[in-house]
Amino acid sequence: MDYRNKTALITGASGGIGEQFARTLAAQGADLILVARSEDKLTAIADELHHAHGVRAEVIAADLSVPGVSDSLVAQVDSRNLTVDILINNAGFGTHGDLADADPARIRDEVTLNVATLTDLTTVFYQRMVRAKSGAIINVASTAAFQPIPHMAVYGATKAYVLSLSEALWWEGKQHDVRVLALCPGATDTGFFDVAGDDAAVGNRRSPQQVVDTALAALRKGKPSVVDGLQNYVSANASRVAPRAMVAAIAERAVRPRR
């Protein structure tokens, strides 16, 4: 794909995988709309990429875990006369621990961000891409999407939703020349585990650059989904054929909280 003269909207762009998407696409000539809560971090990244690559880099500070915030985000994009050619729904977080002990408000924020806001943005910009007969969407799911995960039940369920939605839209989008990809990273060297905790990490951590390279290669090939890393690929596919009770038991041991 040629990213020159294209505009990519990236959520969760202030660090980790989202920031790496911004850096990689800017180096290939894409203009950017960077979205996250931290305006200062976004502005610093936008200024750096503008001066390094000559691309336009817009900043929109927003807390995407707030219900309905996607409406104001779309309104800001429209007020700046911006066209989104590439949507990267990267923002998300995970909670670790039994649901019986969880803060209901925190769980609600998790579902709003990982599912509701992602769906809202996907719907709006996917429909526009269909009308334009051009565009691409990358929804960041996870290897957690492939099995139930005790102690991370809600997180795993939200990512299973993202995977299912994206693969279905991949099929629908083909007839309109719109590409949709579910990106499924495993443990990655980002701030995710500052929130979820180190007990939630399974396997060796990959770098954000490796994850982004995997995603863009899969997008070029027109794949519906991609798992980053060979070890993660083997694990994800094994969970699809093993008995579900066994899969849940293995996942539980992998992320069991240390007492």
C-alpha atoms as a PDB file:
ATOM      1  CA  MET A   1       0.000   0.000   0.000  1.00  0.00           C
ATOM      2  CA  ASP A   2       1.049   3.557  -0.729  1.00  0.00           C
ATOM      3  CA  TYR A   3       0.568   5.718   2.367  1.00  0.00           C
ATOM      4  CA  ARG A   4       1.587   9.010   0.753  1.00  0.00           C
ATOM      5  CA  ASN A   5      -1.205  11.589   0.740  1.00  0.00           C
ATOM      6  CA  LYS A   6      -3.255   9.357   3.037  1.00  0.00           C
ATOM      7  CA  THR A   7      -4.423  10.288   6.526  1.00  0.00           C
ATOM      8  CA  ALA A   8      -4.319   7.785   9.383  1.00  0.00           C
ATOM      9  CA  LEU A   9      -6.329   8.253  12.569  1.00  0.00           C
ATOM     10  CA  ILE A  10      -4.638   6.367  15.405  1.00  0.00           C
ATOM     11  CA  THR A  11      -6.151   5.952  18.865  1.00  0.00           C
ATOM     12  CA  GLY A  12      -3.923   5.313  21.844  1.00  0.00           C
ATOM     13  CA  ALA A  13      -1.177   7.112  19.952  1.00  0.00           C
ATOM     14  CA  SER A  14       0.737   8.543  22.919  1.00  0.00           C
ATOM     15  CA  GLY A  15       2.835   5.407  23.455  1.00  0.00           C
ATOM     16  CA  GLY A  16       3.421   1.749  22.688  1.00  0.00           C
ATOM     17  CA  ILE A  17       1.940   0.202  19.561  1.00  0.00           C
ATOM     18  CA  GLY A  18      -0.072   3.312  18.688  1.00  0.00           C
ATOM     19  CA  GLU A  19       2.966   5.574  18.778  1.00  0.00           C
ATOM     20  CA  GLN A  20       4.921   3.085  16.671  1.00  0.00           C
ATOM     21  CA  PHE A  21       2.162   3.019  14.066  1.00  0.00           C
ATOM     22  CA  ALA A  22       2.409   6.818  13.932  1.00  0.00           C
ATOM     23  CA  ARG A  23       6.192   6.766  13.511  1.00  0.00           C
ATOM     24  CA  THR A  24       6.148   4.045  10.864  1.00  0.00           C
ATOM     25  CA  LEU A  25       3.346   5.550   8.788  1.00  0.00           C
ATOM     26  CA  ALA A  26       4.784   9.066   8.991  1.00  0.00           C
ATOM     27  CA  ALA A  27       8.096   7.731   7.667  1.00  0.00           C
ATOM     28  CA  GLN A  28       6.139   6.364   4.698  1.00  0.00           C
ATOM     29  CA  GLY A  29       4.486   9.722   4.011  1.00  0.00           C
ATOM     30  CA  ALA A  30       1.126   9.425   5.786  1.00  0.00           C
ATOM     31  CA  ASP A  31      -0.500  12.380   7.503  1.00  0.00           C
ATOM     32  CA  LEU A  32      -1.682  11.668  11.036  1.00  0.00           C
ATOM     33  CA  ILE A  33      -4.523  12.292  13.455  1.00  0.00           C
ATOM     34  CA  LEU A  34      -3.231  11.285  16.875  1.00  0.00           C
ATOM     35  CA  VAL A  35      -5.766  10.553  19.613  1.00  0.00           C
ATOM     36  CA  ALA A  36      -5.197   9.809  23.306  1.00  0.00           C
ATOM     37  CA  ARG A  37      -5.793  11.383  26.709  1.00  0.00           C
ATOM     38  CA  SER A  38      -2.369  12.998  27.064  1.00  0.00           C
ATOM     39  CA  GLU A  39      -2.300  16.123  24.904  1.00  0.00           C
ATOM     40  CA  ASP A  40       1.280  16.992  25.886  1.00  0.00           C
ATOM     41  CA  LYS A  41       2.638  13.610  24.771  1.00  0.00           C
ATOM     42  CA  LEU A  42       0.655  13.709  21.543  1.00  0.00           C
ATOM     43  CA  THR A  43       1.833  17.222  20.728  1.00  0.00           C
ATOM     44  CA  ALA A  44       5.471  16.268  21.273  1.00  0.00           C
ATOM     45  CA  ILE A  45       5.138  13.242  18.966  1.00  0.00           C
ATOM     46  CA  ALA A  46       3.218  15.240  16.345  1.00  0.00           C
ATOM     47  CA  ASP A  47       5.810  18.030  16.293  1.00  0.00           C
ATOM     48  CA  GLU A  48       8.670  15.552  16.015  1.00  0.00           C
ATOM     49  CA  LEU A  49       7.104  13.629  13.134  1.00  0.00           C
ATOM     50  CA  HIS A  50       6.068  16.797  11.297  1.00  0.00           C
ATOM     51  CA  HIS A  51       9.614  18.140  11.357  1.00  0.00           C
ATOM     52  CA  ALA A  52      11.230  14.772  10.601  1.00  0.00           C
ATOM     53  CA  HIS A  53       9.002  13.767   7.670  1.00  0.00           C
ATOM     54  CA  GLY A  54       7.091  16.870   6.587  1.00  0.00           C
ATOM     55  CA  VAL A  55       3.720  15.261   7.240  1.00  0.00           C
ATOM     56  CA  ARG A  56       0.670  16.908   8.751  1.00  0.00           C
ATOM     57  CA  ALA A  57       0.092  15.695  12.292  1.00  0.00           C
ATOM     58  CA  GLU A  58      -3.109  16.700  14.057  1.00  0.00           C
ATOM     59  CA  VAL A  59      -3.713  16.132  17.777  1.00  0.00           C
ATOM     60  CA  ILE A  60      -7.056  15.399  19.433  1.00  0.00           C
ATOM     61  CA  ALA A  61      -6.998  14.833  23.196  1.00  0.00           C
ATOM     62  CA  ALA A  62      -9.877  12.606  24.301  1.00  0.00           C
ATOM     63  CA  ASP A  63     -10.709  10.006  26.940  1.00  0.00           C
ATOM     64  CA  LEU A  64     -12.162   7.235  24.796  1.00  0.00           C
ATOM     65  CA  SER A  65     -13.457   5.319  27.811  1.00  0.00           C
ATOM     66  CA  VAL A  66     -16.214   7.920  28.235  1.00  0.00           C
ATOM     67  CA  PRO A  67     -19.513   6.759  26.690  1.00  0.00           C
ATOM     68  CA  GLY A  68     -20.405   8.694  23.554  1.00  0.00           C
ATOM     69  CA  VAL A  69     -17.018  10.390  23.200  1.00  0.00           C
ATOM     70  CA  SER A  70     -16.684   9.017  19.673  1.00  0.00           C
ATOM     71  CA  ASP A  71     -19.331  11.507  18.527  1.00  0.00           C
ATOM     72  CA  SER A  72     -17.238  14.476  19.634  1.00  0.00           C
ATOM     73  CA  LEU A  73     -14.097  12.917  18.142  1.00  0.00           C
ATOM     74  CA  VAL A  74     -15.762  12.516  14.741  1.00  0.00           C
ATOM     75  CA  ALA A  75     -17.090  16.072  15.006  1.00  0.00           C
ATOM     76  CA  GLN A  76     -13.573  17.383  15.618  1.00  0.00           C
ATOM     77  CA  VAL A  77     -12.232  15.444  12.629  1.00  0.00           C
ATOM     78  CA  ASP A  78     -14.974  16.913  10.442  1.00  0.00           C
ATOM     79  CA  SER A  79     -14.506  20.450  11.754  1.00  0.00           C
ATOM     80  CA  ARG A  80     -10.882  20.309  10.594  1.00  0.00           C
ATOM     81  CA  ASN A  81     -11.946  19.082   7.137  1.00  0.00           C
ATOM     82  CA  LEU A  82      -9.960  15.871   7.543  1.00  0.00           C
ATOM     83  CA  THR A  83     -10.615  12.647   5.641  1.00  0.00           C
ATOM     84  CA  VAL A  84      -9.675   9.414   7.391  1.00  0.00           C
ATOM     85  CA  ASP A  85      -8.195   6.948   4.896  1.00  0.00           C
ATOM     86  CA  ILE A  86      -6.769   4.589   7.517  1.00  0.00           C
ATOM     87  CA  LEU A  87      -8.299   3.953  10.950  1.00  0.00           C
ATOM     88  CA  ILE A  88      -6.202   2.239  13.603  1.00  0.00           C
ATOM     89  CA  ASN A  89      -8.231   1.400  16.703  1.00  0.00           C
ATOM     90  CA  ASN A  90      -5.379   0.746  19.101  1.00  0.00           C
ATOM     91  CA  ALA A  91      -6.618   2.251  22.377  1.00  0.00           C
ATOM     92  CA  GLY A  92      -7.566  -0.283  25.021  1.00  0.00           C
ATOM     93  CA  PHE A  93      -6.663  -1.682  28.420  1.00  0.00           C
ATOM     94  CA  GLY A  94      -6.996  -4.866  30.409  1.00  0.00           C
ATOM     95  CA  THR A  95      -7.964  -5.674  33.985  1.00  0.00           C
ATOM     96  CA  HIS A  96      -6.451  -8.590  35.868  1.00  0.00           C
ATOM     97  CA  GLY A  97      -8.166 -10.380  38.727  1.00  0.00           C
ATOM     98  CA  ASP A  98     -11.416 -12.170  39.441  1.00  0.00           C
ATOM     99  CA  LEU A  99     -14.623 -10.419  38.379  1.00  0.00           C
ATOM    100  CA  ALA A 100     -16.003 -10.973  41.886  1.00  0.00           C
ATOM    101  CA  ASP A 101     -13.387  -8.543  43.207  1.00  0.00           C
ATOM    102  CA  ALA A 102     -13.454  -5.995  40.373  1.00  0.00           C
ATOM    103  CA  ASP A 103     -14.572  -2.374  40.493  1.00  0.00           C
ATOM    104  CA  PRO A 104     -17.742  -2.245  38.361  1.00  0.00           C
ATOM    105  CA  ALA A 105     -16.881   1.256  37.111  1.00  0.00           C
ATOM    106  CA  ARG A 106     -13.480   0.070  35.937  1.00  0.00           C
ATOM    107  CA  ILE A 107     -15.055  -2.873  34.104  1.00  0.00           C
ATOM    108  CA  ARG A 108     -17.538  -0.519  32.457  1.00  0.00           C
ATOM    109  CA  ASP A 109     -14.671   1.693  31.255  1.00  0.00           C
ATOM    110  CA  GLU A 110     -12.881  -1.369  29.885  1.00  0.00           C
ATOM    111  CA  VAL A 111     -15.888  -2.489  27.862  1.00  0.00           C
ATOM    112  CA  THR A 112     -16.638   1.056  26.677  1.00  0.00           C
ATOM    113  CA  LEU A 113     -13.097   1.609  25.418  1.00  0.00           C
ATOM    114  CA  ASN A 114     -12.327  -1.850  24.043  1.00  0.00           C
ATOM    115  CA  VAL A 115     -15.741  -2.498  22.481  1.00  0.00           C
ATOM    116  CA  ALA A 116     -18.163   0.427  22.295  1.00  0.00           C
ATOM    117  CA  THR A 117     -15.824   3.216  21.191  1.00  0.00           C
ATOM    118  CA  LEU A 118     -13.996   0.906  18.800  1.00  0.00           C
ATOM    119  CA  THR A 119     -17.327  -0.105  17.258  1.00  0.00           C
ATOM    120  CA  ASP A 120     -18.537   3.488  16.999  1.00  0.00           C
ATOM    121  CA  LEU A 121     -15.398   4.667  15.208  1.00  0.00           C
ATOM    122  CA  THR A 122     -15.276   1.590  13.000  1.00  0.00           C
ATOM    123  CA  THR A 123     -18.898   2.094  11.942  1.00  0.00           C
ATOM    124  CA  VAL A 124     -18.580   5.784  11.082  1.00  0.00           C
ATOM    125  CA  PHE A 125     -15.339   5.587   9.150  1.00  0.00           C
ATOM    126  CA  TYR A 126     -16.044   2.205   7.569  1.00  0.00           C
ATOM    127  CA  GLN A 127     -19.251   3.586   6.075  1.00  0.00           C
ATOM    128  CA  ARG A 128     -17.359   6.573   4.685  1.00  0.00           C
ATOM    129  CA  MET A 129     -14.681   4.307   3.240  1.00  0.00           C
ATOM    130  CA  VAL A 130     -17.349   2.158   1.573  1.00  0.00           C
ATOM    131  CA  ARG A 131     -18.803   5.243  -0.091  1.00  0.00           C
ATOM    132  CA  ALA A 132     -15.312   6.262  -1.222  1.00  0.00           C
ATOM    133  CA  LYS A 133     -14.499   2.709  -2.387  1.00  0.00           C
ATOM    134  CA  SER A 134     -11.171   2.983  -0.579  1.00  0.00           C
ATOM    135  CA  GLY A 135      -9.730   2.693   2.911  1.00  0.00           C
ATOM    136  CA  ALA A 136      -8.273   0.448   5.575  1.00  0.00           C
ATOM    137  CA  ILE A 137      -9.059  -0.330   9.205  1.00  0.00           C
ATOM    138  CA  ILE A 138      -6.770  -2.058  11.678  1.00  0.00           C
ATOM    139  CA  ASN A 139      -8.465  -3.080  14.922  1.00  0.00           C
ATOM    140  CA  VAL A 140      -6.040  -4.165  17.616  1.00  0.00           C
ATOM    141  CA  ALA A 141      -7.345  -7.344  19.221  1.00  0.00           C
ATOM    142  CA  SER A 142      -5.022  -9.722  21.107  1.00  0.00           C
ATOM    143  CA  THR A 143      -4.001 -13.336  21.443  1.00  0.00           C
ATOM    144  CA  ALA A 144      -6.416 -13.155  24.384  1.00  0.00           C
ATOM    145  CA  ALA A 145      -9.186 -13.272  21.768  1.00  0.00           C
ATOM    146  CA  PHE A 146      -8.667 -16.970  21.057  1.00  0.00           C
ATOM    147  CA  GLN A 147      -9.656 -18.480  24.404  1.00  0.00           C
ATOM    148  CA  PRO A 148     -11.520 -17.693  27.625  1.00  0.00           C
ATOM    149  CA  ILE A 149      -9.119 -16.327  30.228  1.00  0.00           C
ATOM    150  CA  PRO A 150     -10.023 -16.759  33.901  1.00  0.00           C
ATOM    151  CA  HIS A 151      -8.739 -13.776  35.947  1.00  0.00           C
ATOM    152  CA  MET A 152      -8.941 -11.658  32.753  1.00  0.00           C
ATOM    153  CA  ALA A 153     -12.452 -12.675  31.750  1.00  0.00           C
ATOM    154  CA  VAL A 154     -13.710  -9.301  30.544  1.00  0.00           C
ATOM    155  CA  TYR A 155     -10.529  -8.365  28.695  1.00  0.00           C
ATOM    156  CA  GLY A 156     -10.472 -11.660  26.817  1.00  0.00           C
ATOM    157  CA  ALA A 157     -14.150 -11.291  25.944  1.00  0.00           C
ATOM    158  CA  THR A 158     -13.676  -7.762  24.586  1.00  0.00           C
ATOM    159  CA  LYS A 159     -10.833  -8.898  22.355  1.00  0.00           C
ATOM    160  CA  ALA A 160     -12.817 -11.901  21.099  1.00  0.00           C
ATOM    161  CA  TYR A 161     -15.461  -9.383  20.061  1.00  0.00           C
ATOM    162  CA  VAL A 162     -12.877  -7.263  18.208  1.00  0.00           C
ATOM    163  CA  LEU A 163     -11.542 -10.304  16.361  1.00  0.00           C
ATOM    164  CA  SER A 164     -15.020 -11.497  15.334  1.00  0.00           C
ATOM    165  CA  LEU A 165     -16.183  -8.047  14.244  1.00  0.00           C
ATOM    166  CA  SER A 166     -13.055  -7.354  12.215  1.00  0.00           C
ATOM    167  CA  GLU A 167     -12.997 -10.687  10.403  1.00  0.00           C
ATOM    168  CA  ALA A 168     -16.671 -10.277   9.462  1.00  0.00           C
ATOM    169  CA  LEU A 169     -16.041  -6.752   8.165  1.00  0.00           C
ATOM    170  CA  TRP A 170     -13.023  -8.025   6.229  1.00  0.00           C
ATOM    171  CA  TRP A 171     -15.450 -10.129   4.195  1.00  0.00           C
ATOM    172  CA  GLU A 172     -18.024  -7.367   3.810  1.00  0.00           C
ATOM    173  CA  GLY A 173     -15.387  -4.798   2.912  1.00  0.00           C
ATOM    174  CA  LYS A 174     -13.802  -6.784   0.086  1.00  0.00           C
ATOM    175  CA  GLN A 175     -16.556  -5.892  -2.356  1.00  0.00           C
ATOM    176  CA  HIS A 176     -16.018  -2.188  -1.618  1.00  0.00           C
ATOM    177  CA  ASP A 177     -12.186  -2.154  -1.787  1.00  0.00           C
ATOM    178  CA  VAL A 178     -11.980  -1.521   1.958  1.00  0.00           C
ATOM    179  CA  ARG A 179      -9.464  -3.599   3.891  1.00  0.00           C
ATOM    180  CA  VAL A 180     -10.152  -4.607   7.500  1.00  0.00           C
ATOM    181  CA  LEU A 181      -7.595  -6.383   9.671  1.00  0.00           C
ATOM    182  CA  ALA A 182      -7.679  -7.739  13.213  1.00  0.00           C
ATOM    183  CA  LEU A 183      -4.195  -7.448  14.695  1.00  0.00           C
ATOM    184  CA  CYS A 184      -3.566  -9.953  17.499  1.00  0.00           C
ATOM    185  CA  PRO A 185      -0.371  -9.247  19.424  1.00  0.00           C
ATOM    186  CA  GLY A 186       0.735 -11.229  22.415  1.00  0.00           C
ATOM    187  CA  ALA A 187       2.752  -9.733  25.254  1.00  0.00           C
ATOM    188  CA  THR A 188       4.353  -6.563  23.917  1.00  0.00           C
ATOM    189  CA  ASP A 189       6.845  -4.178  25.499  1.00  0.00           C
ATOM    190  CA  THR A 190       4.393  -1.336  26.163  1.00  0.00           C
ATOM    191  CA  GLY A 191       2.683   0.333  29.110  1.00  0.00           C
ATOM    192  CA  PHE A 192      -0.142  -2.230  28.999  1.00  0.00           C
ATOM    193  CA  PHE A 193       1.290  -4.178  31.916  1.00  0.00           C
ATOM    194  CA  ASP A 194       1.649  -1.021  34.001  1.00  0.00           C
ATOM    195  CA  VAL A 195      -2.154  -1.198  34.161  1.00  0.00           C
ATOM    196  CA  ALA A 196      -2.883  -4.929  33.945  1.00  0.00           C
ATOM    197  CA  GLY A 197       0.135  -6.019  36.027  1.00  0.00           C
ATOM    198  CA  ASP A 198       3.069  -8.277  35.163  1.00  0.00           C
ATOM    199  CA  ASP A 199       1.070 -11.391  36.102  1.00  0.00           C
ATOM    200  CA  ALA A 200      -0.959 -10.826  32.929  1.00  0.00           C
ATOM    201  CA  ALA A 201       2.067 -11.275  30.665  1.00  0.00           C
ATOM    202  CA  VAL A 202       2.405 -14.625  28.886  1.00  0.00           C
ATOM    203  CA  GLY A 203       5.546 -15.473  26.919  1.00  0.00           C
ATOM    204  CA  ASN A 204       8.369 -13.268  25.752  1.00  0.00           C
ATOM    205  CA  ARG A 205       7.490  -9.672  25.025  1.00  0.00           C
ATOM    206  CA  ARG A 206       7.712  -8.516  21.426  1.00  0.00           C
ATOM    207  CA  SER A 207       8.610  -4.960  20.447  1.00  0.00           C
ATOM    208  CA  PRO A 208       6.020  -2.454  19.155  1.00  0.00           C
ATOM    209  CA  GLN A 209       7.991  -2.232  15.903  1.00  0.00           C
ATOM    210  CA  GLN A 210       7.684  -5.983  15.365  1.00  0.00           C
ATOM    211  CA  VAL A 211       3.928  -5.793  15.953  1.00  0.00           C
ATOM    212  CA  VAL A 212       3.492  -2.868  13.548  1.00  0.00           C
ATOM    213  CA  ASP A 213       5.609  -4.551  10.860  1.00  0.00           C
ATOM    214  CA  THR A 214       3.469  -7.689  11.197  1.00  0.00           C
ATOM    215  CA  ALA A 215       0.276  -5.651  10.873  1.00  0.00           C
ATOM    216  CA  LEU A 216       1.299  -3.668   7.806  1.00  0.00           C
ATOM    217  CA  ALA A 217       2.580  -6.792   6.037  1.00  0.00           C
ATOM    218  CA  ALA A 218      -0.743  -8.547   6.693  1.00  0.00           C
ATOM    219  CA  LEU A 219      -2.680  -5.497   5.507  1.00  0.00           C
ATOM    220  CA  ARG A 220      -0.730  -5.481   2.246  1.00  0.00           C
ATOM    221  CA  LYS A 221      -1.612  -9.144   1.729  1.00  0.00           C
ATOM    222  CA  GLY A 222      -5.302  -8.549   2.432  1.00  0.00           C
ATOM    223  CA  LYS A 223      -5.517 -10.899   5.422  1.00  0.00           C
ATOM    224  CA  PRO A 224      -8.550 -10.806   7.748  1.00  0.00           C
ATOM    225  CA  SER A 225      -6.433 -11.240  10.884  1.00  0.00           C
ATOM    226  CA  VAL A 226      -2.860 -11.805  11.941  1.00  0.00           C
ATOM    227  CA  VAL A 227      -1.120 -13.045  15.080  1.00  0.00           C
ATOM    228  CA  ASP A 228       2.230 -11.406  15.792  1.00  0.00           C
ATOM    229  CA  GLY A 229       5.133 -13.763  16.505  1.00  0.00           C
ATOM    230  CA  LEU A 230       5.592 -17.457  15.797  1.00  0.00           C
ATOM    231  CA  GLN A 231       5.175 -18.579  19.409  1.00  0.00           C
ATOM    232  CA  ASN A 232       1.949 -16.593  19.706  1.00  0.00           C
ATOM    233  CA  TYR A 233       0.688 -17.956  16.379  1.00  0.00           C
ATOM    234  CA  VAL A 234       1.198 -21.556  17.476  1.00  0.00           C
ATOM    235  CA  SER A 235      -0.473 -20.946  20.831  1.00  0.00           C
ATOM    236  CA  ALA A 236      -3.460 -19.131  19.340  1.00  0.00           C
ATOM    237  CA  ASN A 237      -4.150 -21.816  16.768  1.00  0.00           C
ATOM    238  CA  ALA A 238      -3.691 -24.652  19.254  1.00  0.00           C
ATOM    239  CA  SER A 239      -6.401 -23.107  21.436  1.00  0.00           C
ATOM    240  CA  ARG A 240      -8.854 -23.298  18.546  1.00  0.00           C
ATOM    241  CA  VAL A 241      -8.738 -27.098  18.345  1.00  0.00           C
ATOM    242  CA  ALA A 242      -8.175 -28.177  21.954  1.00  0.00           C
ATOM    243  CA  PRO A 243     -11.112 -28.968  24.273  1.00  0.00           C
ATOM    244  CA  ARG A 244     -12.493 -25.744  25.718  1.00  0.00           C
ATOM    245  CA  ALA A 245     -12.210 -26.860  29.327  1.00  0.00           C
ATOM    246  CA  MET A 246      -8.546 -27.663  28.787  1.00  0.00           C
ATOM    247  CA  VAL A 247      -7.968 -24.332  27.061  1.00  0.00           C
ATOM    248  CA  ALA A 248      -9.528 -22.416  29.954  1.00  0.00           C
ATOM    249  CA  ALA A 249      -7.467 -24.373  32.501  1.00  0.00           C
ATOM    250  CA  ILE A 250      -4.212 -23.673  30.659  1.00  0.00           C
ATOM    251  CA  ALA A 251      -5.061 -19.976  30.300  1.00  0.00           C
ATOM    252  CA  GLU A 252      -5.909 -19.760  33.994  1.00  0.00           C
ATOM    253  CA  ARG A 253      -2.537 -21.120  35.024  1.00  0.00           C
ATOM    254  CA  ALA A 254      -0.743 -18.763  32.658  1.00  0.00           C
ATOM    255  CA  VAL A 255      -2.196 -15.589  34.191  1.00  0.00           C
ATOM    256  CA  ARG A 256      -2.959 -16.794  37.738  1.00  0.00           C
ATOM    257  CA  PRO A 257      -2.345 -13.897  40.166  1.00  0.00           C
ATOM    258  CA  ARG A 258       0.562 -14.357  42.522  1.00  0.00           C
ATOM    259  CA  ARG A 259      -0.705 -14.463  46.082  1.00  0.00           C
END
